[in-house]
Amino acid sequence: MHSSIDVTVAAIVPDGEQFLFVEERVGGELVFNQPAGHLEPGESLLDAVIRETLEETGFHFQPESLVGIYQWHCDAAARSFLRVTFMGSAEPPAQTPELDDGIVATHWLTRNQLLSPQRRLRSPMVIRCLDDFLADIRYPLDCLTDLDRDIYARAHQTG
């Protein structure tokens, strides 16, 4: 039996009581999400969240802490996701950026605005990550280790 899980990253960018969100078209529907995306082969989690935030919003994200790691299975898509969520600061783009395919707009929203009836969330991870951030859940970035594969492989060959 073949099984896999999609590893994704997400960025929580606060500005007072508002947070940076993207409005994106997924399966023909408009949904709201933190700037987020898939980890690419050979990429670190930190590099991925910086890249995805830039591609989806034009903002230059600087991760400051880890908020959490979330696992979710989407029955409708028959896919599982492992999301690593960071919080940090972000510099706005100097000019209007060209956003990733599917991204309709960026928005600064409060938690209540995000949960208004006219907005649909991309997944339940969106609100859970935000709520954990609002509950002051933070882990230092040094809890993550990105092993250099070559050094790791050499260490195991010499023994």
N, C-alpha and C. Protein backbone atom coordinates (compact mmCIF):
# COMPACT_ATOMS: atom_id res chain seq x y z
N MET A 1 0.85 -1.18 0.00
CA MET A 1 0.00 0.00 0.00
C MET A 1 0.89 1.24 0.00
N HIS A 2 0.64 2.12 -0.93
CA HIS A 2 1.42 3.35 -1.04
C HIS A 2 0.77 4.44 -0.19
N SER A 3 1.59 5.06 0.64
CA SER A 3 1.06 6.19 1.41
C SER A 3 2.08 7.31 1.35
N SER A 4 1.58 8.52 1.38
CA SER A 4 2.45 9.69 1.40
C SER A 4 1.73 10.81 2.14
N ILE A 5 2.53 11.77 2.50
CA ILE A 5 1.98 12.93 3.18
C ILE A 5 2.62 14.17 2.56
N ASP A 6 1.81 15.18 2.31
CA ASP A 6 2.31 16.43 1.76
C ASP A 6 2.86 17.27 2.91
N VAL A 7 4.13 17.65 2.81
CA VAL A 7 4.74 18.51 3.82
C VAL A 7 4.60 19.95 3.33
N THR A 8 3.98 20.77 4.16
CA THR A 8 3.76 22.17 3.81
C THR A 8 4.28 23.08 4.93
N VAL A 9 4.47 24.33 4.57
CA VAL A 9 4.88 25.36 5.52
C VAL A 9 3.87 26.49 5.45
N ALA A 10 3.75 27.24 6.53
CA ALA A 10 2.84 28.39 6.55
C ALA A 10 3.46 29.49 7.40
N ALA A 11 3.10 30.74 7.06
CA ALA A 11 3.62 31.91 7.77
C ALA A 11 2.48 32.69 8.42
N ILE A 12 2.64 32.95 9.71
CA ILE A 12 1.74 33.86 10.41
C ILE A 12 2.48 35.19 10.54
N VAL A 13 1.89 36.22 9.94
CA VAL A 13 2.50 37.55 9.96
C VAL A 13 1.52 38.49 10.65
N PRO A 14 1.81 38.84 11.91
CA PRO A 14 0.91 39.74 12.64
C PRO A 14 1.25 41.21 12.39
N ASP A 15 0.21 42.03 12.45
CA ASP A 15 0.36 43.49 12.47
C ASP A 15 -0.74 44.00 13.38
N GLY A 16 -0.40 44.16 14.65
CA GLY A 16 -1.42 44.50 15.64
C GLY A 16 -2.36 43.33 15.78
N GLU A 17 -3.65 43.58 15.60
CA GLU A 17 -4.65 42.52 15.69
C GLU A 17 -4.96 41.90 14.33
N GLN A 18 -4.30 42.36 13.29
CA GLN A 18 -4.53 41.82 11.94
C GLN A 18 -3.39 40.90 11.54
N PHE A 19 -3.71 40.02 10.58
CA PHE A 19 -2.76 39.03 10.10
C PHE A 19 -2.82 38.99 8.57
N LEU A 20 -1.68 38.66 7.97
CA LEU A 20 -1.60 38.56 6.52
C LEU A 20 -2.19 37.24 6.06
N PHE A 21 -3.15 37.32 5.14
CA PHE A 21 -3.77 36.14 4.55
C PHE A 21 -3.77 36.27 3.04
N VAL A 22 -3.86 35.12 2.38
CA VAL A 22 -4.04 35.12 0.93
C VAL A 22 -5.43 34.59 0.62
N GLU A 23 -6.00 35.15 -0.40
CA GLU A 23 -7.26 34.65 -0.95
C GLU A 23 -6.86 33.93 -2.22
N GLU A 24 -7.22 32.66 -2.31
CA GLU A 24 -6.79 31.86 -3.45
C GLU A 24 -7.94 31.04 -4.02
N ARG A 25 -7.78 30.71 -5.29
CA ARG A 25 -8.78 29.89 -5.96
C ARG A 25 -8.29 28.45 -5.96
N VAL A 26 -9.08 27.58 -5.31
CA VAL A 26 -8.75 26.16 -5.21
C VAL A 26 -9.97 25.36 -5.62
N GLY A 27 -9.84 24.55 -6.64
CA GLY A 27 -10.97 23.75 -7.10
C GLY A 27 -12.16 24.60 -7.49
N GLY A 28 -11.90 25.78 -8.04
CA GLY A 28 -12.98 26.66 -8.48
C GLY A 28 -13.60 27.51 -7.38
N GLU A 29 -13.15 27.34 -6.14
CA GLU A 29 -13.70 28.11 -5.02
C GLU A 29 -12.66 29.06 -4.45
N LEU A 30 -13.11 30.20 -3.94
CA LEU A 30 -12.21 31.13 -3.27
C LEU A 30 -12.11 30.74 -1.80
N VAL A 31 -10.88 30.61 -1.32
CA VAL A 31 -10.63 30.23 0.07
C VAL A 31 -9.53 31.14 0.64
N PHE A 32 -9.47 31.19 1.97
CA PHE A 32 -8.47 32.00 2.66
C PHE A 32 -7.48 31.09 3.38
N ASN A 33 -6.22 31.53 3.39
CA ASN A 33 -5.15 30.75 3.97
C ASN A 33 -4.04 31.69 4.42
N GLN A 34 -3.19 31.23 5.32
CA GLN A 34 -1.95 31.94 5.55
C GLN A 34 -1.10 31.76 4.29
N PRO A 35 -0.11 32.62 4.07
CA PRO A 35 0.84 32.32 3.00
C PRO A 35 1.43 30.94 3.30
N ALA A 36 1.31 30.03 2.36
CA ALA A 36 1.69 28.64 2.62
C ALA A 36 1.98 27.91 1.33
N GLY A 37 2.68 26.80 1.45
CA GLY A 37 2.95 25.98 0.27
C GLY A 37 3.77 24.77 0.62
N HIS A 38 4.11 24.03 -0.42
CA HIS A 38 4.81 22.75 -0.26
C HIS A 38 6.32 22.92 -0.13
N LEU A 39 6.89 22.07 0.69
CA LEU A 39 8.33 21.95 0.82
C LEU A 39 8.85 21.29 -0.45
N GLU A 40 9.89 21.87 -1.04
CA GLU A 40 10.48 21.30 -2.26
C GLU A 40 11.68 20.43 -1.88
N PRO A 41 11.98 19.42 -2.71
CA PRO A 41 13.12 18.54 -2.41
C PRO A 41 14.41 19.34 -2.20
N GLY A 42 15.14 19.00 -1.14
CA GLY A 42 16.41 19.64 -0.85
C GLY A 42 16.29 20.99 -0.16
N GLU A 43 15.08 21.44 0.10
CA GLU A 43 14.85 22.76 0.68
C GLU A 43 14.64 22.63 2.19
N SER A 44 15.18 23.58 2.95
CA SER A 44 14.92 23.58 4.39
C SER A 44 13.53 24.14 4.65
N LEU A 45 13.00 23.84 5.82
CA LEU A 45 11.68 24.37 6.20
C LEU A 45 11.70 25.90 6.23
N LEU A 46 12.77 26.48 6.76
CA LEU A 46 12.86 27.93 6.83
C LEU A 46 12.95 28.55 5.44
N ASP A 47 13.76 27.96 4.57
CA ASP A 47 13.85 28.47 3.20
C ASP A 47 12.49 28.37 2.50
N ALA A 48 11.77 27.28 2.75
CA ALA A 48 10.47 27.08 2.11
C ALA A 48 9.46 28.13 2.53
N VAL A 49 9.38 28.44 3.83
CA VAL A 49 8.39 29.41 4.29
C VAL A 49 8.74 30.82 3.81
N ILE A 50 10.03 31.13 3.73
CA ILE A 50 10.45 32.43 3.19
C ILE A 50 10.06 32.52 1.72
N ARG A 51 10.36 31.47 0.95
CA ARG A 51 10.04 31.45 -0.48
C ARG A 51 8.54 31.52 -0.73
N GLU A 52 7.78 30.69 -0.04
CA GLU A 52 6.34 30.65 -0.26
C GLU A 52 5.68 31.98 0.08
N THR A 53 6.10 32.62 1.16
CA THR A 53 5.53 33.91 1.53
C THR A 53 5.83 34.94 0.45
N LEU A 54 7.04 34.94 -0.06
CA LEU A 54 7.41 35.87 -1.12
C LEU A 54 6.60 35.61 -2.39
N GLU A 55 6.49 34.34 -2.78
CA GLU A 55 5.76 34.00 -4.01
C GLU A 55 4.28 34.32 -3.92
N GLU A 56 3.69 34.13 -2.75
CA GLU A 56 2.24 34.31 -2.61
C GLU A 56 1.82 35.72 -2.24
N THR A 57 2.74 36.51 -1.67
CA THR A 57 2.34 37.85 -1.20
C THR A 57 3.26 38.97 -1.67
N GLY A 58 4.49 38.64 -2.03
CA GLY A 58 5.49 39.66 -2.34
C GLY A 58 6.21 40.16 -1.10
N PHE A 59 5.77 39.74 0.09
CA PHE A 59 6.40 40.14 1.34
C PHE A 59 7.65 39.32 1.60
N HIS A 60 8.68 39.95 2.16
CA HIS A 60 9.92 39.28 2.55
C HIS A 60 9.79 38.86 4.01
N PHE A 61 9.55 37.59 4.23
CA PHE A 61 9.26 37.04 5.56
C PHE A 61 10.54 36.70 6.30
N GLN A 62 10.56 37.05 7.59
CA GLN A 62 11.67 36.69 8.47
C GLN A 62 11.11 35.86 9.62
N PRO A 63 11.28 34.53 9.56
CA PRO A 63 10.76 33.67 10.64
C PRO A 63 11.42 34.00 11.97
N GLU A 64 10.60 34.03 13.03
CA GLU A 64 11.10 34.33 14.37
C GLU A 64 10.91 33.17 15.33
N SER A 65 9.86 32.38 15.11
CA SER A 65 9.64 31.21 15.96
C SER A 65 8.72 30.22 15.24
N LEU A 66 8.70 29.02 15.78
CA LEU A 66 7.82 27.96 15.29
C LEU A 66 6.55 28.01 16.14
N VAL A 67 5.40 28.00 15.49
CA VAL A 67 4.13 27.99 16.22
C VAL A 67 3.68 26.56 16.47
N GLY A 68 3.82 25.70 15.47
CA GLY A 68 3.41 24.32 15.66
C GLY A 68 3.55 23.49 14.41
N ILE A 69 3.34 22.19 14.60
CA ILE A 69 3.36 21.22 13.51
C ILE A 69 2.01 20.52 13.56
N TYR A 70 1.31 20.52 12.45
CA TYR A 70 -0.07 20.07 12.40
C TYR A 70 -0.24 18.98 11.35
N GLN A 71 -0.96 17.94 11.71
CA GLN A 71 -1.27 16.86 10.77
C GLN A 71 -2.77 16.86 10.53
N TRP A 72 -3.14 16.73 9.25
CA TRP A 72 -4.55 16.74 8.89
C TRP A 72 -4.77 15.86 7.66
N HIS A 73 -5.81 15.07 7.70
CA HIS A 73 -6.19 14.26 6.54
C HIS A 73 -7.45 14.86 5.92
N CYS A 74 -7.36 15.20 4.65
CA CYS A 74 -8.50 15.75 3.91
C CYS A 74 -9.21 14.60 3.22
N ASP A 75 -10.37 14.21 3.73
CA ASP A 75 -11.11 13.10 3.15
C ASP A 75 -11.52 13.39 1.71
N ALA A 76 -11.94 14.63 1.43
CA ALA A 76 -12.41 14.98 0.08
C ALA A 76 -11.31 14.80 -0.96
N ALA A 77 -10.07 15.10 -0.59
CA ALA A 77 -8.96 14.97 -1.54
C ALA A 77 -8.21 13.66 -1.36
N ALA A 78 -8.56 12.90 -0.32
CA ALA A 78 -7.86 11.66 0.00
C ALA A 78 -6.35 11.90 0.12
N ARG A 79 -6.01 12.99 0.82
CA ARG A 79 -4.60 13.36 1.01
C ARG A 79 -4.38 13.76 2.45
N SER A 80 -3.16 13.52 2.92
CA SER A 80 -2.76 13.94 4.26
C SER A 80 -1.72 15.03 4.16
N PHE A 81 -1.75 15.92 5.14
CA PHE A 81 -0.85 17.06 5.16
C PHE A 81 -0.16 17.16 6.51
N LEU A 82 1.11 17.53 6.47
CA LEU A 82 1.87 17.87 7.66
C LEU A 82 2.32 19.31 7.46
N ARG A 83 1.77 20.21 8.27
CA ARG A 83 2.03 21.65 8.12
C ARG A 83 2.92 22.13 9.26
N VAL A 84 4.00 22.80 8.89
CA VAL A 84 4.91 23.41 9.85
C VAL A 84 4.67 24.91 9.76
N THR A 85 4.20 25.49 10.86
CA THR A 85 3.80 26.90 10.85
C THR A 85 4.76 27.75 11.66
N PHE A 86 5.17 28.85 11.03
CA PHE A 86 6.09 29.80 11.64
C PHE A 86 5.40 31.14 11.83
N MET A 87 5.90 31.93 12.78
CA MET A 87 5.47 33.32 12.88
C MET A 87 6.70 34.17 12.70
N GLY A 88 6.45 35.39 12.23
CA GLY A 88 7.57 36.30 12.05
C GLY A 88 7.12 37.63 11.51
N SER A 89 8.09 38.43 11.16
CA SER A 89 7.81 39.74 10.59
C SER A 89 8.02 39.68 9.09
N ALA A 90 7.49 40.69 8.40
CA ALA A 90 7.62 40.70 6.94
C ALA A 90 7.70 42.13 6.43
N GLU A 91 8.57 42.31 5.49
CA GLU A 91 8.72 43.60 4.81
C GLU A 91 7.80 43.61 3.59
N PRO A 92 6.98 44.65 3.42
CA PRO A 92 6.08 44.69 2.26
C PRO A 92 6.87 44.87 0.97
N PRO A 93 6.28 44.47 -0.13
CA PRO A 93 6.95 44.63 -1.42
C PRO A 93 7.10 46.10 -1.78
N ALA A 94 8.17 46.44 -2.48
CA ALA A 94 8.42 47.82 -2.90
C ALA A 94 7.46 48.23 -4.02
N GLN A 95 7.04 47.25 -4.81
CA GLN A 95 6.10 47.52 -5.89
C GLN A 95 5.10 46.37 -5.96
N THR A 96 4.05 46.53 -6.73
CA THR A 96 3.03 45.50 -6.84
C THR A 96 3.65 44.21 -7.36
N PRO A 97 3.60 43.14 -6.56
CA PRO A 97 4.24 41.89 -6.96
C PRO A 97 3.39 41.06 -7.90
N GLU A 98 4.04 40.20 -8.66
CA GLU A 98 3.33 39.18 -9.44
C GLU A 98 3.18 37.98 -8.52
N LEU A 99 1.95 37.59 -8.22
CA LEU A 99 1.69 36.54 -7.25
C LEU A 99 1.56 35.18 -7.93
N ASP A 100 1.77 34.13 -7.13
CA ASP A 100 1.65 32.75 -7.61
C ASP A 100 0.32 32.51 -8.30
N ASP A 101 0.29 31.54 -9.21
CA ASP A 101 -0.95 31.12 -9.85
C ASP A 101 -1.97 30.74 -8.78
N GLY A 102 -3.18 31.16 -8.95
CA GLY A 102 -4.26 30.83 -8.02
C GLY A 102 -4.46 31.86 -6.93
N ILE A 103 -3.46 32.68 -6.64
CA ILE A 103 -3.60 33.71 -5.61
C ILE A 103 -4.36 34.88 -6.21
N VAL A 104 -5.47 35.23 -5.60
CA VAL A 104 -6.33 36.31 -6.09
C VAL A 104 -5.93 37.64 -5.46
N ALA A 105 -5.66 37.63 -4.14
CA ALA A 105 -5.34 38.87 -3.43
C ALA A 105 -4.73 38.53 -2.08
N THR A 106 -4.11 39.55 -1.48
CA THR A 106 -3.66 39.44 -0.09
C THR A 106 -4.56 40.35 0.74
N HIS A 107 -4.73 39.96 2.01
CA HIS A 107 -5.61 40.71 2.91
C HIS A 107 -5.00 40.75 4.30
N TRP A 108 -5.25 41.86 5.02
CA TRP A 108 -4.95 41.95 6.45
C TRP A 108 -6.28 41.82 7.17
N LEU A 109 -6.43 40.75 7.95
CA LEU A 109 -7.70 40.45 8.61
C LEU A 109 -7.48 40.12 10.08
N THR A 110 -8.47 40.48 10.89
CA THR A 110 -8.48 40.03 12.28
C THR A 110 -9.03 38.60 12.30
N ARG A 111 -8.94 37.95 13.43
CA ARG A 111 -9.49 36.61 13.56
C ARG A 111 -10.99 36.62 13.26
N ASN A 112 -11.71 37.59 13.83
CA ASN A 112 -13.16 37.67 13.60
C ASN A 112 -13.49 37.91 12.12
N GLN A 113 -12.73 38.77 11.47
CA GLN A 113 -12.97 39.01 10.04
C GLN A 113 -12.72 37.73 9.23
N LEU A 114 -11.69 36.99 9.61
CA LEU A 114 -11.38 35.74 8.90
C LEU A 114 -12.54 34.75 9.02
N LEU A 115 -13.19 34.74 10.17
CA LEU A 115 -14.26 33.77 10.41
C LEU A 115 -15.65 34.25 9.98
N SER A 116 -15.72 35.37 9.28
CA SER A 116 -17.03 35.85 8.83
C SER A 116 -17.63 34.83 7.87
N PRO A 117 -18.97 34.76 7.82
CA PRO A 117 -19.65 33.73 7.02
C PRO A 117 -19.29 33.74 5.53
N GLN A 118 -18.91 34.88 4.98
CA GLN A 118 -18.61 34.92 3.55
C GLN A 118 -17.22 34.41 3.21
N ARG A 119 -16.42 34.08 4.23
CA ARG A 119 -15.06 33.58 3.97
C ARG A 119 -14.97 32.09 4.28
N ARG A 120 -14.37 31.36 3.37
CA ARG A 120 -14.17 29.93 3.53
C ARG A 120 -12.68 29.68 3.74
N LEU A 121 -12.32 28.89 4.73
CA LEU A 121 -10.93 28.60 5.01
C LEU A 121 -10.44 27.44 4.15
N ARG A 122 -9.18 27.49 3.77
CA ARG A 122 -8.60 26.42 2.94
C ARG A 122 -8.63 25.09 3.67
N SER A 123 -8.37 25.12 4.97
CA SER A 123 -8.40 23.90 5.78
C SER A 123 -8.61 24.29 7.24
N PRO A 124 -8.92 23.31 8.10
CA PRO A 124 -9.05 23.63 9.52
C PRO A 124 -7.71 24.02 10.16
N MET A 125 -6.61 23.76 9.48
CA MET A 125 -5.30 24.14 10.02
C MET A 125 -5.15 25.66 10.08
N VAL A 126 -5.84 26.40 9.21
CA VAL A 126 -5.72 27.85 9.15
C VAL A 126 -6.10 28.48 10.49
N ILE A 127 -7.25 28.12 11.01
CA ILE A 127 -7.71 28.73 12.27
C ILE A 127 -6.97 28.14 13.47
N ARG A 128 -6.64 26.85 13.41
CA ARG A 128 -5.91 26.24 14.53
C ARG A 128 -4.54 26.88 14.70
N CYS A 129 -3.83 27.11 13.61
CA CYS A 129 -2.51 27.76 13.68
C CYS A 129 -2.65 29.17 14.27
N LEU A 130 -3.64 29.89 13.80
CA LEU A 130 -3.85 31.26 14.29
C LEU A 130 -4.20 31.25 15.77
N ASP A 131 -5.07 30.34 16.17
CA ASP A 131 -5.45 30.26 17.58
C ASP A 131 -4.26 29.88 18.46
N ASP A 132 -3.41 29.00 17.99
CA ASP A 132 -2.21 28.65 18.76
C ASP A 132 -1.29 29.87 18.89
N PHE A 133 -1.15 30.62 17.81
CA PHE A 133 -0.35 31.85 17.87
C PHE A 133 -0.95 32.81 18.90
N LEU A 134 -2.26 33.00 18.85
CA LEU A 134 -2.93 33.91 19.78
C LEU A 134 -2.84 33.43 21.23
N ALA A 135 -2.65 32.12 21.42
CA ALA A 135 -2.47 31.55 22.76
C ALA A 135 -1.00 31.61 23.20
N ASP A 136 -0.19 32.34 22.44
CA ASP A 136 1.24 32.53 22.74
C ASP A 136 2.04 31.23 22.69
N ILE A 137 1.66 30.31 21.85
CA ILE A 137 2.46 29.10 21.67
C ILE A 137 3.59 29.42 20.70
N ARG A 138 4.81 29.25 21.18
CA ARG A 138 6.00 29.53 20.38
C ARG A 138 7.09 28.54 20.76
N TYR A 139 7.86 28.13 19.77
CA TYR A 139 9.03 27.30 19.98
C TYR A 139 10.20 27.98 19.28
N PRO A 140 11.40 27.89 19.87
CA PRO A 140 12.55 28.53 19.23
C PRO A 140 12.90 27.82 17.91
N LEU A 141 13.41 28.60 16.97
CA LEU A 141 13.77 28.03 15.67
C LEU A 141 14.88 27.00 15.79
N ASP A 142 15.68 27.08 16.85
CA ASP A 142 16.76 26.10 16.97
C ASP A 142 16.27 24.71 17.38
N CYS A 143 14.95 24.55 17.54
CA CYS A 143 14.42 23.20 17.76
C CYS A 143 14.36 22.43 16.44
N LEU A 144 14.59 23.12 15.32
CA LEU A 144 14.62 22.48 14.01
C LEU A 144 16.06 22.16 13.64
N THR A 145 16.28 21.00 13.08
CA THR A 145 17.60 20.63 12.61
C THR A 145 17.50 20.21 11.16
N ASP A 146 18.30 20.84 10.33
CA ASP A 146 18.35 20.52 8.90
C ASP A 146 19.72 19.90 8.64
N LEU A 147 19.78 18.59 8.68
CA LEU A 147 21.05 17.90 8.52
C LEU A 147 21.53 17.99 7.07
N ASP A 148 22.79 18.32 6.91
CA ASP A 148 23.40 18.30 5.59
C ASP A 148 23.55 16.83 5.20
N ARG A 149 22.90 16.41 4.15
CA ARG A 149 22.88 15.00 3.78
C ARG A 149 24.27 14.44 3.51
N ASP A 150 25.14 15.23 2.91
CA ASP A 150 26.49 14.75 2.60
C ASP A 150 27.29 14.50 3.88
N ILE A 151 27.22 15.43 4.82
CA ILE A 151 27.94 15.26 6.08
C ILE A 151 27.38 14.06 6.82
N TYR A 152 26.07 13.92 6.86
CA TYR A 152 25.42 12.81 7.54
C TYR A 152 25.82 11.48 6.90
N ALA A 153 25.82 11.43 5.57
CA ALA A 153 26.19 10.20 4.86
C ALA A 153 27.66 9.85 5.12
N ARG A 154 28.56 10.82 5.09
CA ARG A 154 29.99 10.57 5.35
C ARG A 154 30.20 10.05 6.76
N ALA A 155 29.47 10.60 7.72
CA ALA A 155 29.62 10.18 9.11
C ALA A 155 29.24 8.70 9.27
N HIS A 156 28.27 8.23 8.51
CA HIS A 156 27.82 6.85 8.62
C HIS A 156 28.65 5.89 7.76
N GLN A 157 29.46 6.41 6.85
CA GLN A 157 30.31 5.56 6.02
C GLN A 157 31.61 5.24 6.72
N THR A 158 31.99 6.04 7.70
CA THR A 158 33.28 5.86 8.36
C THR A 158 33.14 5.06 9.62
N GLY A 159 32.66 4.01 9.67
CA GLY A 159 32.53 3.43 10.97
C GLY A 159 32.47 2.00 11.00
